[in-house]
Amino acid sequence: MNYVTPDLTSLNHLAAYHASGTLHVGNGKCLPIVHVGSSHIRTTDQSFHLYDILHVSKISKPCLSVQKFCQNNHV
């Protein structure tokens, strides 16, 4: 599972996605992946990292994998 966002401005270390992959959503549509990047969430005590975020401009809401978040941040 990857993280997904429609918001390009939320990504750091951005790169164009050159593979032919798409994101399959619940209604059966396949949405093109445009970029891949990373980001972080800062709190007063810690910084959490999000890797391999897919930029899918046609998705309506961002998606976060709780399992991947916990594994990447050892929480």
Protein backbone atom coordinates (compact mmCIF):
# COMPACT_ATOMS: atom_id res chain seq x y z
CA MET A 1 0.00 0.00 0.00
CA ASN A 2 1.23 3.46 -0.86
CA TYR A 3 0.20 6.87 0.34
CA VAL A 4 -1.80 8.84 -2.23
CA THR A 5 -2.40 12.58 -2.58
CA PRO A 6 -4.04 14.87 -5.13
CA ASP A 7 -1.97 17.80 -3.79
CA LEU A 8 1.36 18.19 -5.58
CA THR A 9 2.46 20.97 -3.20
CA SER A 10 2.46 18.58 -0.23
CA LEU A 11 5.33 16.54 -1.70
CA ASN A 12 9.06 16.94 -1.09
CA HIS A 13 11.77 15.28 -3.19
CA LEU A 14 9.39 15.07 -6.11
CA ALA A 15 10.07 13.03 -9.26
CA ALA A 16 8.03 12.35 -12.37
CA TYR A 17 6.48 8.89 -12.43
CA HIS A 18 7.68 7.22 -15.64
CA ALA A 19 6.25 3.73 -15.09
CA SER A 20 2.98 2.75 -16.70
CA GLY A 21 1.18 2.12 -13.40
CA THR A 22 -2.24 3.37 -12.44
CA LEU A 23 -4.19 3.48 -9.21
CA HIS A 24 -7.29 1.28 -9.23
CA VAL A 25 -10.10 2.78 -7.14
CA GLY A 26 -13.32 1.31 -5.74
CA ASN A 27 -15.56 2.36 -8.61
CA GLY A 28 -13.41 0.38 -11.06
CA LYS A 29 -11.62 3.35 -12.61
CA CYS A 30 -7.87 3.46 -13.14
CA LEU A 31 -6.34 6.84 -12.31
CA PRO A 32 -2.92 7.80 -13.70
CA ILE A 33 0.00 8.27 -11.30
CA VAL A 34 1.77 11.51 -12.24
CA HIS A 35 4.57 11.92 -9.68
CA VAL A 36 6.09 10.16 -6.70
CA GLY A 37 7.61 11.88 -3.69
CA SER A 38 7.95 12.01 0.05
CA SER A 39 6.86 14.26 2.87
CA HIS A 40 6.94 14.56 6.62
CA ILE A 41 4.65 15.48 9.48
CA ARG A 42 6.18 17.51 12.28
CA THR A 43 4.93 17.63 15.83
CA THR A 44 6.43 19.49 18.75
CA ASP A 45 8.29 16.31 19.80
CA GLN A 46 9.01 14.38 16.63
CA SER A 47 9.08 14.33 12.85
CA PHE A 48 7.31 11.51 11.01
CA HIS A 49 8.28 10.50 7.49
CA LEU A 50 6.07 9.43 4.61
CA TYR A 51 7.86 7.73 1.72
CA ASP A 52 6.65 6.72 -1.74
CA ILE A 53 3.68 9.07 -1.89
CA LEU A 54 1.89 8.78 -5.21
CA HIS A 55 0.59 12.00 -6.76
CA VAL A 56 -2.71 11.12 -8.43
CA SER A 57 -4.23 14.42 -9.51
CA LYS A 58 -7.68 12.94 -10.21
CA ILE A 59 -8.23 11.37 -6.79
CA SER A 60 -10.63 13.31 -4.59
CA LYS A 61 -9.05 12.73 -1.14
CA PRO A 62 -5.59 11.81 0.15
CA CYS A 63 -5.11 8.27 1.49
CA LEU A 64 -2.76 7.21 4.25
CA SER A 65 -1.77 3.64 5.08
CA VAL A 66 -1.65 3.40 8.87
CA GLN A 67 0.32 0.15 8.69
CA LYS A 68 2.96 1.63 6.38
CA PHE A 69 3.13 4.81 8.50
CA CYS A 70 3.77 2.77 11.65
CA GLN A 71 6.40 0.60 9.95
CA ASN A 72 8.25 3.57 8.39
CA ASN A 73 8.32 5.49 11.67
CA HIS A 74 8.80 2.60 14.12
CA VAL A 75 5.68 3.43 16.10
